Amino acid sequence: MASYYYLVAQLPSLQPNLAPPLSTAQFRELSLRFLSKKDAAILEKLSLEPPIEYEKTGSVFLDNWYRFERELRVTLAQARASRLRWNVPESVKKAEVSDIGLVQAVRAATDFDDPLEAETYLDKLRFAAADRFMPQDYFTADAVFAYGIKLLLLERMAHFTVEEGKKEYTVLYNTILGESYDRK
């Protein structure tokens, strides 16, 4: 396994409550100078959205991260469907969740009245999971991938603001009203 001392030493630290210190594009540009072809190919596919079907990525960290994210999304879908009394698709019903703590965390998230608070809570949960799956050796490819995931999370968190939420709510509200008037 390759060691990326020079790359990791150049990366600024990431904190869940702070703005990202660099963009994902800047991170990728810097990383691609140091990564092997195999690791660079994995980095290029880095995403917060896990593949629908399980597939090995070539990274222990990413395999664990995508499993966690898939289970989080399934648990959220189950909780939201239950809360709204919707029918749960069979694929979601049959999906297994290996972390009971995740079920409890999702219940806590769905209890928030404020959607921004719920998303912030879930993103902090994701950030903590990325820390938990990070390897002991900070200079491996998995550590670089963990940094990339955490940076993507920080960028996602930075997009959520009260102003943006109100704007999005207004757009959705007006769209719904427009559809209801069109049906009359």
N, C-alpha and C. Protein backbone atom coordinates (compact mmCIF):
# COMPACT_ATOMS: atom_id res chain seq x y z
N MET A 1 0.84 -1.18 0.00
CA MET A 1 0.00 0.00 0.00
C MET A 1 0.89 1.24 0.00
N ALA A 2 0.55 2.20 -0.84
CA ALA A 2 1.35 3.42 -0.97
C ALA A 2 1.18 4.32 0.24
N SER A 3 2.22 5.08 0.52
CA SER A 3 2.16 6.09 1.58
C SER A 3 2.21 7.46 0.93
N TYR A 4 1.38 8.32 1.42
CA TYR A 4 1.27 9.66 0.83
C TYR A 4 1.61 10.73 1.85
N TYR A 5 2.83 10.67 2.37
CA TYR A 5 3.26 11.61 3.40
C TYR A 5 3.20 13.05 2.91
N TYR A 6 3.74 13.31 1.73
CA TYR A 6 3.81 14.69 1.23
C TYR A 6 2.42 15.25 0.94
N LEU A 7 1.54 14.42 0.44
CA LEU A 7 0.18 14.87 0.17
C LEU A 7 -0.56 15.19 1.46
N VAL A 8 -0.62 14.25 2.36
CA VAL A 8 -1.41 14.42 3.59
C VAL A 8 -0.86 15.57 4.43
N ALA A 9 0.45 15.75 4.44
CA ALA A 9 1.05 16.83 5.22
C ALA A 9 0.62 18.21 4.70
N GLN A 10 0.21 18.30 3.45
CA GLN A 10 -0.20 19.58 2.87
C GLN A 10 -1.68 19.90 3.09
N LEU A 11 -2.45 18.92 3.50
CA LEU A 11 -3.90 19.11 3.61
C LEU A 11 -4.26 19.82 4.92
N PRO A 12 -5.06 20.89 4.84
CA PRO A 12 -5.50 21.57 6.07
C PRO A 12 -6.49 20.69 6.83
N SER A 13 -6.57 20.88 8.13
CA SER A 13 -7.48 20.05 8.93
C SER A 13 -8.93 20.41 8.63
N LEU A 14 -9.80 19.45 8.87
CA LEU A 14 -11.24 19.62 8.63
C LEU A 14 -11.98 19.50 9.95
N GLN A 15 -12.88 20.43 10.20
CA GLN A 15 -13.70 20.43 11.41
C GLN A 15 -15.17 20.49 11.01
N PRO A 16 -16.03 19.71 11.66
CA PRO A 16 -17.43 19.65 11.23
C PRO A 16 -18.20 20.97 11.35
N ASN A 17 -17.78 21.89 12.19
CA ASN A 17 -18.53 23.14 12.36
C ASN A 17 -17.92 24.31 11.60
N LEU A 18 -16.90 24.05 10.79
CA LEU A 18 -16.22 25.12 10.07
C LEU A 18 -16.40 24.95 8.56
N ALA A 19 -16.24 26.05 7.85
CA ALA A 19 -16.32 26.01 6.39
C ALA A 19 -15.15 25.20 5.83
N PRO A 20 -15.34 24.58 4.68
CA PRO A 20 -14.24 23.82 4.09
C PRO A 20 -13.07 24.75 3.75
N PRO A 21 -11.84 24.36 4.10
CA PRO A 21 -10.68 25.21 3.86
C PRO A 21 -10.21 25.21 2.40
N LEU A 22 -10.71 24.27 1.60
CA LEU A 22 -10.41 24.22 0.18
C LEU A 22 -11.58 23.52 -0.50
N SER A 23 -11.68 23.67 -1.79
CA SER A 23 -12.78 23.03 -2.53
C SER A 23 -12.40 21.60 -2.89
N THR A 24 -13.40 20.83 -3.24
CA THR A 24 -13.15 19.46 -3.68
C THR A 24 -12.29 19.47 -4.93
N ALA A 25 -12.52 20.42 -5.82
CA ALA A 25 -11.73 20.52 -7.05
C ALA A 25 -10.25 20.77 -6.71
N GLN A 26 -9.99 21.66 -5.77
CA GLN A 26 -8.60 21.92 -5.36
C GLN A 26 -7.98 20.68 -4.73
N PHE A 27 -8.75 19.99 -3.90
CA PHE A 27 -8.27 18.77 -3.25
C PHE A 27 -7.92 17.71 -4.30
N ARG A 28 -8.80 17.52 -5.27
CA ARG A 28 -8.55 16.52 -6.31
C ARG A 28 -7.32 16.88 -7.13
N GLU A 29 -7.21 18.16 -7.49
CA GLU A 29 -6.06 18.60 -8.28
C GLU A 29 -4.75 18.32 -7.55
N LEU A 30 -4.71 18.66 -6.28
CA LEU A 30 -3.51 18.40 -5.47
C LEU A 30 -3.26 16.90 -5.33
N SER A 31 -4.30 16.16 -5.01
CA SER A 31 -4.16 14.72 -4.77
C SER A 31 -3.68 13.96 -5.99
N LEU A 32 -4.19 14.33 -7.15
CA LEU A 32 -3.85 13.60 -8.37
C LEU A 32 -2.37 13.71 -8.72
N ARG A 33 -1.69 14.71 -8.18
CA ARG A 33 -0.25 14.84 -8.41
C ARG A 33 0.54 13.75 -7.68
N PHE A 34 -0.04 13.21 -6.61
CA PHE A 34 0.68 12.28 -5.74
C PHE A 34 0.17 10.84 -5.82
N LEU A 35 -1.09 10.65 -6.16
CA LEU A 35 -1.69 9.31 -6.09
C LEU A 35 -1.25 8.42 -7.23
N SER A 36 -1.21 7.12 -6.94
CA SER A 36 -0.95 6.13 -7.99
C SER A 36 -2.15 6.13 -8.94
N LYS A 37 -2.01 5.51 -10.10
CA LYS A 37 -3.11 5.47 -11.07
C LYS A 37 -4.33 4.77 -10.46
N LYS A 38 -4.09 3.69 -9.75
CA LYS A 38 -5.19 2.94 -9.13
C LYS A 38 -5.92 3.81 -8.11
N ASP A 39 -5.17 4.46 -7.22
CA ASP A 39 -5.78 5.30 -6.20
C ASP A 39 -6.44 6.54 -6.81
N ALA A 40 -5.84 7.08 -7.87
CA ALA A 40 -6.43 8.23 -8.56
C ALA A 40 -7.78 7.86 -9.17
N ALA A 41 -7.87 6.66 -9.73
CA ALA A 41 -9.14 6.21 -10.31
C ALA A 41 -10.22 6.09 -9.24
N ILE A 42 -9.84 5.63 -8.07
CA ILE A 42 -10.79 5.53 -6.95
C ILE A 42 -11.21 6.92 -6.51
N LEU A 43 -10.25 7.83 -6.39
CA LEU A 43 -10.55 9.20 -5.96
C LEU A 43 -11.52 9.88 -6.93
N GLU A 44 -11.34 9.65 -8.22
CA GLU A 44 -12.21 10.28 -9.22
C GLU A 44 -13.67 9.87 -9.05
N LYS A 45 -13.93 8.71 -8.48
CA LYS A 45 -15.31 8.22 -8.29
C LYS A 45 -15.88 8.58 -6.92
N LEU A 46 -15.10 9.28 -6.11
CA LEU A 46 -15.51 9.61 -4.74
C LEU A 46 -16.83 10.37 -4.75
N SER A 47 -17.77 9.92 -3.92
CA SER A 47 -19.10 10.52 -3.88
C SER A 47 -19.73 10.28 -2.52
N LEU A 48 -20.62 11.19 -2.13
CA LEU A 48 -21.38 10.97 -0.90
C LEU A 48 -22.51 9.97 -1.13
N GLU A 49 -22.85 9.76 -2.38
CA GLU A 49 -23.94 8.84 -2.71
C GLU A 49 -23.37 7.46 -3.01
N PRO A 50 -23.74 6.47 -2.22
CA PRO A 50 -23.20 5.12 -2.45
C PRO A 50 -23.82 4.48 -3.69
N PRO A 51 -23.10 3.55 -4.30
CA PRO A 51 -23.71 2.80 -5.41
C PRO A 51 -24.96 2.08 -4.91
N ILE A 52 -25.96 1.96 -5.75
CA ILE A 52 -27.21 1.31 -5.35
C ILE A 52 -26.94 -0.15 -4.97
N GLU A 53 -26.19 -0.82 -5.79
CA GLU A 53 -25.82 -2.21 -5.51
C GLU A 53 -24.43 -2.21 -4.89
N TYR A 54 -24.23 -3.08 -3.91
CA TYR A 54 -22.92 -3.16 -3.26
C TYR A 54 -21.88 -3.60 -4.28
N GLU A 55 -20.77 -2.90 -4.28
CA GLU A 55 -19.63 -3.30 -5.10
C GLU A 55 -18.36 -2.88 -4.38
N LYS A 56 -17.34 -3.71 -4.48
CA LYS A 56 -16.06 -3.38 -3.85
C LYS A 56 -15.43 -2.21 -4.61
N THR A 57 -14.85 -1.30 -3.83
CA THR A 57 -14.26 -0.11 -4.42
C THR A 57 -12.75 -0.19 -4.57
N GLY A 58 -12.12 -1.12 -3.86
CA GLY A 58 -10.67 -1.17 -3.81
C GLY A 58 -10.13 -0.42 -2.61
N SER A 59 -11.04 0.07 -1.76
CA SER A 59 -10.67 0.81 -0.56
C SER A 59 -11.50 0.29 0.61
N VAL A 60 -10.83 -0.13 1.67
CA VAL A 60 -11.54 -0.61 2.86
C VAL A 60 -12.37 0.53 3.45
N PHE A 61 -11.77 1.73 3.51
CA PHE A 61 -12.50 2.87 4.05
C PHE A 61 -13.78 3.11 3.26
N LEU A 62 -13.68 3.20 1.93
CA LEU A 62 -14.87 3.50 1.12
C LEU A 62 -15.91 2.38 1.18
N ASP A 63 -15.47 1.13 1.24
CA ASP A 63 -16.43 0.04 1.39
C ASP A 63 -17.23 0.22 2.68
N ASN A 64 -16.55 0.54 3.77
CA ASN A 64 -17.24 0.77 5.05
C ASN A 64 -18.11 2.02 4.99
N TRP A 65 -17.59 3.08 4.39
CA TRP A 65 -18.35 4.33 4.30
C TRP A 65 -19.63 4.12 3.49
N TYR A 66 -19.53 3.50 2.32
CA TYR A 66 -20.71 3.30 1.47
C TYR A 66 -21.72 2.36 2.14
N ARG A 67 -21.24 1.35 2.86
CA ARG A 67 -22.16 0.48 3.60
C ARG A 67 -22.91 1.31 4.63
N PHE A 68 -22.20 2.13 5.40
CA PHE A 68 -22.82 3.00 6.40
C PHE A 68 -23.84 3.93 5.74
N GLU A 69 -23.45 4.59 4.67
CA GLU A 69 -24.34 5.57 4.02
C GLU A 69 -25.58 4.88 3.45
N ARG A 70 -25.39 3.69 2.88
CA ARG A 70 -26.53 2.93 2.35
C ARG A 70 -27.49 2.57 3.48
N GLU A 71 -26.95 2.10 4.61
CA GLU A 71 -27.79 1.74 5.76
C GLU A 71 -28.46 2.98 6.34
N LEU A 72 -27.77 4.10 6.37
CA LEU A 72 -28.37 5.34 6.86
C LEU A 72 -29.55 5.73 5.98
N ARG A 73 -29.39 5.67 4.69
CA ARG A 73 -30.46 6.05 3.76
C ARG A 73 -31.66 5.10 3.86
N VAL A 74 -31.38 3.82 4.00
CA VAL A 74 -32.47 2.85 4.16
C VAL A 74 -33.22 3.11 5.46
N THR A 75 -32.48 3.34 6.53
CA THR A 75 -33.10 3.60 7.83
C THR A 75 -33.92 4.88 7.80
N LEU A 76 -33.41 5.91 7.13
CA LEU A 76 -34.17 7.16 6.98
C LEU A 76 -35.44 6.93 6.17
N ALA A 77 -35.34 6.17 5.09
CA ALA A 77 -36.52 5.88 4.27
C ALA A 77 -37.57 5.13 5.09
N GLN A 78 -37.13 4.16 5.88
CA GLN A 78 -38.07 3.40 6.71
C GLN A 78 -38.73 4.31 7.74
N ALA A 79 -37.93 5.14 8.40
CA ALA A 79 -38.46 6.02 9.45
C ALA A 79 -39.42 7.05 8.88
N ARG A 80 -39.07 7.64 7.76
CA ARG A 80 -39.94 8.67 7.15
C ARG A 80 -41.23 8.04 6.63
N ALA A 81 -41.13 6.87 6.03
CA ALA A 81 -42.33 6.19 5.54
C ALA A 81 -43.25 5.84 6.69
N SER A 82 -42.69 5.36 7.77
CA SER A 82 -43.48 5.01 8.95
C SER A 82 -44.16 6.25 9.53
N ARG A 83 -43.40 7.32 9.64
CA ARG A 83 -43.93 8.57 10.21
C ARG A 83 -45.06 9.15 9.35
N LEU A 84 -44.92 9.04 8.03
CA LEU A 84 -45.92 9.60 7.11
C LEU A 84 -46.99 8.57 6.72
N ARG A 85 -46.87 7.38 7.27
CA ARG A 85 -47.80 6.27 7.00
C ARG A 85 -47.86 5.92 5.50
N TRP A 86 -46.69 5.89 4.89
CA TRP A 86 -46.57 5.49 3.50
C TRP A 86 -46.22 4.02 3.45
N ASN A 87 -46.52 3.40 2.32
CA ASN A 87 -46.08 2.02 2.11
C ASN A 87 -44.58 2.03 1.84
N VAL A 88 -43.89 1.13 2.48
CA VAL A 88 -42.44 1.02 2.30
C VAL A 88 -42.17 0.01 1.19
N PRO A 89 -41.36 0.39 0.19
CA PRO A 89 -41.03 -0.57 -0.87
C PRO A 89 -40.39 -1.83 -0.30
N GLU A 90 -40.62 -2.95 -0.95
CA GLU A 90 -40.09 -4.24 -0.48
C GLU A 90 -38.58 -4.20 -0.33
N SER A 91 -37.90 -3.57 -1.29
CA SER A 91 -36.43 -3.53 -1.22
C SER A 91 -35.95 -2.80 0.03
N VAL A 92 -36.68 -1.80 0.46
CA VAL A 92 -36.32 -1.05 1.67
C VAL A 92 -36.66 -1.88 2.91
N LYS A 93 -37.81 -2.57 2.87
CA LYS A 93 -38.19 -3.43 4.01
C LYS A 93 -37.17 -4.53 4.25
N LYS A 94 -36.66 -5.12 3.16
CA LYS A 94 -35.76 -6.26 3.28
C LYS A 94 -34.32 -5.87 3.58
N ALA A 95 -33.99 -4.60 3.40
CA ALA A 95 -32.61 -4.16 3.61
C ALA A 95 -32.22 -4.32 5.07
N GLU A 96 -31.04 -4.86 5.29
CA GLU A 96 -30.56 -5.08 6.65
C GLU A 96 -29.72 -3.90 7.12
N VAL A 97 -29.89 -3.57 8.39
CA VAL A 97 -29.10 -2.52 9.02
C VAL A 97 -28.33 -3.18 10.16
N SER A 98 -27.01 -3.12 10.07
CA SER A 98 -26.18 -3.83 11.05
C SER A 98 -25.89 -3.03 12.31
N ASP A 99 -26.15 -1.72 12.28
CA ASP A 99 -25.80 -0.85 13.40
C ASP A 99 -27.07 -0.36 14.10
N ILE A 100 -27.37 -0.91 15.27
CA ILE A 100 -28.57 -0.52 16.01
C ILE A 100 -28.49 0.94 16.45
N GLY A 101 -27.28 1.42 16.67
CA GLY A 101 -27.09 2.83 17.03
C GLY A 101 -27.54 3.75 15.91
N LEU A 102 -27.42 3.29 14.69
CA LEU A 102 -27.86 4.07 13.54
C LEU A 102 -29.37 4.24 13.55
N VAL A 103 -30.08 3.19 13.90
CA VAL A 103 -31.54 3.25 13.99
C VAL A 103 -31.95 4.29 15.03
N GLN A 104 -31.29 4.28 16.17
CA GLN A 104 -31.60 5.26 17.22
C GLN A 104 -31.26 6.68 16.78
N ALA A 105 -30.15 6.85 16.09
CA ALA A 105 -29.75 8.17 15.61
C ALA A 105 -30.75 8.71 14.59
N VAL A 106 -31.24 7.85 13.72
CA VAL A 106 -32.22 8.27 12.72
C VAL A 106 -33.53 8.65 13.41
N ARG A 107 -33.92 7.90 14.41
CA ARG A 107 -35.13 8.27 15.17
C ARG A 107 -34.98 9.66 15.77
N ALA A 108 -33.81 9.93 16.32
CA ALA A 108 -33.54 11.26 16.89
C ALA A 108 -33.62 12.33 15.81
N ALA A 109 -33.09 12.05 14.63
CA ALA A 109 -33.11 13.02 13.53
C ALA A 109 -34.52 13.31 13.06
N THR A 110 -35.36 12.28 13.02
CA THR A 110 -36.73 12.49 12.55
C THR A 110 -37.60 13.19 13.59
N ASP A 111 -37.10 13.30 14.81
CA ASP A 111 -37.84 14.03 15.85
C ASP A 111 -37.63 15.54 15.79
N PHE A 112 -36.63 15.99 15.04
CA PHE A 112 -36.40 17.43 14.92
C PHE A 112 -37.55 18.08 14.16
N ASP A 113 -38.03 19.21 14.65
CA ASP A 113 -39.07 19.95 13.93
C ASP A 113 -38.47 20.76 12.78
N ASP A 114 -37.24 21.19 12.96
CA ASP A 114 -36.57 22.02 11.97
C ASP A 114 -35.76 21.13 11.02
N PRO A 115 -36.09 21.12 9.72
CA PRO A 115 -35.35 20.28 8.77
C PRO A 115 -33.86 20.60 8.70
N LEU A 116 -33.49 21.87 8.88
CA LEU A 116 -32.08 22.24 8.86
C LEU A 116 -31.34 21.60 10.04
N GLU A 117 -31.97 21.60 11.21
CA GLU A 117 -31.36 20.96 12.38
C GLU A 117 -31.19 19.46 12.15
N ALA A 118 -32.21 18.84 11.54
CA ALA A 118 -32.14 17.40 11.26
C ALA A 118 -31.00 17.09 10.29
N GLU A 119 -30.88 17.88 9.22
CA GLU A 119 -29.80 17.65 8.25
C GLU A 119 -28.43 17.89 8.88
N THR A 120 -28.33 18.92 9.71
CA THR A 120 -27.06 19.20 10.40
C THR A 120 -26.69 18.03 11.30
N TYR A 121 -27.67 17.52 12.02
CA TYR A 121 -27.46 16.36 12.90
C TYR A 121 -26.97 15.15 12.09
N LEU A 122 -27.63 14.89 10.97
CA LEU A 122 -27.25 13.74 10.14
C LEU A 122 -25.86 13.91 9.53
N ASP A 123 -25.54 15.13 9.12
CA ASP A 123 -24.21 15.36 8.56
C ASP A 123 -23.11 15.21 9.61
N LYS A 124 -23.39 15.61 10.84
CA LYS A 124 -22.42 15.39 11.92
C LYS A 124 -22.26 13.90 12.19
N LEU A 125 -23.36 13.17 12.09
CA LEU A 125 -23.31 11.71 12.23
C LEU A 125 -22.43 11.10 11.13
N ARG A 126 -22.60 11.59 9.91
CA ARG A 126 -21.79 11.12 8.79
C ARG A 126 -20.31 11.44 9.00
N PHE A 127 -20.05 12.66 9.46
CA PHE A 127 -18.66 13.09 9.70
C PHE A 127 -18.00 12.19 10.74
N ALA A 128 -18.75 11.90 11.81
CA ALA A 128 -18.23 11.01 12.86
C ALA A 128 -17.98 9.61 12.32
N ALA A 129 -18.86 9.13 11.44
CA ALA A 129 -18.66 7.81 10.84
C ALA A 129 -17.40 7.80 9.98
N ALA A 130 -17.17 8.86 9.22
CA ALA A 130 -15.95 8.94 8.41
C ALA A 130 -14.72 8.89 9.30
N ASP A 131 -14.78 9.58 10.44
CA ASP A 131 -13.66 9.51 11.40
C ASP A 131 -13.48 8.10 11.94
N ARG A 132 -14.61 7.44 12.21
CA ARG A 132 -14.57 6.09 12.79
C ARG A 132 -13.96 5.07 11.81
N PHE A 133 -14.24 5.24 10.53
CA PHE A 133 -13.74 4.29 9.53
C PHE A 133 -12.34 4.62 9.03
N MET A 134 -11.83 5.77 9.42
CA MET A 134 -10.51 6.20 8.95
C MET A 134 -9.43 5.28 9.51
N PRO A 135 -8.43 4.97 8.70
CA PRO A 135 -7.38 4.06 9.16
C PRO A 135 -6.49 4.71 10.22
N GLN A 136 -5.80 3.87 10.98
CA GLN A 136 -4.87 4.35 11.99
C GLN A 136 -3.70 5.10 11.36
N ASP A 137 -3.27 4.65 10.21
CA ASP A 137 -2.15 5.29 9.51
C ASP A 137 -2.71 6.43 8.65
N TYR A 138 -2.34 7.64 8.99
CA TYR A 138 -2.89 8.82 8.32
C TYR A 138 -2.30 9.09 6.95
N PHE A 139 -1.38 8.27 6.50
CA PHE A 139 -0.68 8.56 5.25
C PHE A 139 -0.99 7.55 4.15
N THR A 140 -2.09 6.83 4.28
CA THR A 140 -2.48 5.83 3.29
C THR A 140 -3.51 6.42 2.32
N ALA A 141 -3.77 5.67 1.27
CA ALA A 141 -4.80 6.07 0.31
C ALA A 141 -6.16 6.18 1.01
N ASP A 142 -6.45 5.26 1.92
CA ASP A 142 -7.73 5.32 2.64
C ASP A 142 -7.86 6.61 3.43
N ALA A 143 -6.77 7.10 3.99
CA ALA A 143 -6.81 8.38 4.71
C ALA A 143 -7.11 9.52 3.75
N VAL A 144 -6.57 9.45 2.55
CA VAL A 144 -6.84 10.47 1.53
C VAL A 144 -8.32 10.41 1.13
N PHE A 145 -8.85 9.20 0.95
CA PHE A 145 -10.26 9.06 0.59
C PHE A 145 -11.16 9.56 1.72
N ALA A 146 -10.79 9.28 2.96
CA ALA A 146 -11.56 9.76 4.11
C ALA A 146 -11.58 11.28 4.13
N TYR A 147 -10.44 11.88 3.84
CA TYR A 147 -10.37 13.34 3.78
C TYR A 147 -11.32 13.86 2.70
N GLY A 148 -11.32 13.20 1.55
CA GLY A 148 -12.20 13.61 0.45
C GLY A 148 -13.67 13.52 0.82
N ILE A 149 -14.06 12.45 1.48
CA ILE A 149 -15.46 12.29 1.92
C ILE A 149 -15.82 13.39 2.92
N LYS A 150 -14.94 13.63 3.87
CA LYS A 150 -15.22 14.67 4.88
C LYS A 150 -15.29 16.05 4.23
N LEU A 151 -14.47 16.29 3.23
CA LEU A 151 -14.52 17.57 2.51
C LEU A 151 -15.84 17.70 1.75
N LEU A 152 -16.28 16.63 1.11
CA LEU A 152 -17.59 16.65 0.44
C LEU A 152 -18.71 16.93 1.44
N LEU A 153 -18.62 16.35 2.62
CA LEU A 153 -19.62 16.60 3.66
C LEU A 153 -19.62 18.07 4.08
N LEU A 154 -18.44 18.64 4.26
CA LEU A 154 -18.35 20.05 4.65
C LEU A 154 -18.93 20.95 3.56
N GLU A 155 -18.67 20.62 2.31
CA GLU A 155 -19.25 21.41 1.22
C GLU A 155 -20.77 21.28 1.22
N ARG A 156 -21.26 20.10 1.48
CA ARG A 156 -22.71 19.89 1.56
C ARG A 156 -23.29 20.71 2.71
N MET A 157 -22.64 20.66 3.87
CA MET A 157 -23.11 21.41 5.04
C MET A 157 -23.12 22.91 4.76
N ALA A 158 -22.14 23.39 4.02
CA ALA A 158 -22.04 24.82 3.74
C ALA A 158 -23.19 25.32 2.88
N HIS A 159 -23.81 24.43 2.11
CA HIS A 159 -24.94 24.83 1.26
C HIS A 159 -26.23 25.03 2.05
N PHE A 160 -26.32 24.44 3.22
CA PHE A 160 -27.53 24.54 4.02
C PHE A 160 -27.49 25.80 4.88
N THR A 161 -28.31 26.75 4.51
CA THR A 161 -28.45 27.97 5.31
C THR A 161 -29.93 28.24 5.48
N VAL A 162 -30.26 29.05 6.45
CA VAL A 162 -31.66 29.41 6.69
C VAL A 162 -32.22 30.12 5.46
N GLU A 163 -31.43 31.03 4.88
CA GLU A 163 -31.91 31.79 3.72
C GLU A 163 -32.20 30.87 2.53
N GLU A 164 -31.26 29.95 2.25
CA GLU A 164 -31.46 29.01 1.15
C GLU A 164 -32.67 28.11 1.42
N GLY A 165 -32.83 27.70 2.66
CA GLY A 165 -33.97 26.86 3.02
C GLY A 165 -35.29 27.58 2.80
N LYS A 166 -35.35 28.83 3.20
CA LYS A 166 -36.58 29.61 3.00
C LYS A 166 -36.87 29.80 1.52
N LYS A 167 -35.81 30.06 0.75
CA LYS A 167 -35.98 30.25 -0.69
C LYS A 167 -36.51 28.96 -1.33
N GLU A 168 -35.91 27.83 -0.97
CA GLU A 168 -36.34 26.53 -1.51
C GLU A 168 -37.77 26.21 -1.08
N TYR A 169 -38.09 26.50 0.18
CA TYR A 169 -39.44 26.27 0.69
C TYR A 169 -40.44 27.09 -0.12
N THR A 170 -40.12 28.35 -0.38
CA THR A 170 -41.02 29.23 -1.14
C THR A 170 -41.25 28.67 -2.54
N VAL A 171 -40.18 28.22 -3.19
CA VAL A 171 -40.31 27.64 -4.53
C VAL A 171 -41.21 26.41 -4.49
N LEU A 172 -40.97 25.51 -3.54
CA LEU A 172 -41.80 24.30 -3.43
C LEU A 172 -43.25 24.65 -3.12
N TYR A 173 -43.44 25.57 -2.20
CA TYR A 173 -44.79 25.98 -1.79
C TYR A 173 -45.55 26.56 -2.99
N ASN A 174 -44.90 27.44 -3.74
CA ASN A 174 -45.55 28.05 -4.90
C ASN A 174 -45.81 27.02 -5.99
N THR A 175 -44.92 26.06 -6.15
CA THR A 175 -45.13 24.99 -7.12
C THR A 175 -46.35 24.16 -6.75
N ILE A 176 -46.45 23.81 -5.48
CA ILE A 176 -47.59 23.02 -5.01
C ILE A 176 -48.88 23.81 -5.18
N LEU A 177 -48.87 25.08 -4.81
CA LEU A 177 -50.06 25.92 -4.99
C LEU A 177 -50.44 26.02 -6.46
N GLY A 178 -49.44 26.20 -7.32
CA GLY A 178 -49.70 26.29 -8.75
C GLY A 178 -50.32 25.02 -9.28
N GLU A 179 -49.84 23.86 -8.82
CA GLU A 179 -50.40 22.59 -9.25
C GLU A 179 -51.82 22.42 -8.75
N SER A 180 -52.10 22.86 -7.53
CA SER A 180 -53.46 22.70 -7.00
C SER A 180 -54.44 23.61 -7.73
N TYR A 181 -53.99 24.80 -8.13
CA TYR A 181 -54.87 25.70 -8.89
C TYR A 181 -55.08 25.19 -10.30
N ASP A 182 -54.07 24.54 -10.87
CA ASP A 182 -54.19 24.00 -12.22
C ASP A 182 -55.19 22.85 -12.28
N ARG A 183 -55.39 22.16 -11.17
CA ARG A 183 -56.30 21.00 -11.14
C ARG A 183 -57.75 21.43 -11.01
N LYS A 184 -57.99 22.65 -10.60
CA LYS A 184 -59.38 23.11 -10.37
C LYS A 184 -60.08 23.45 -11.65
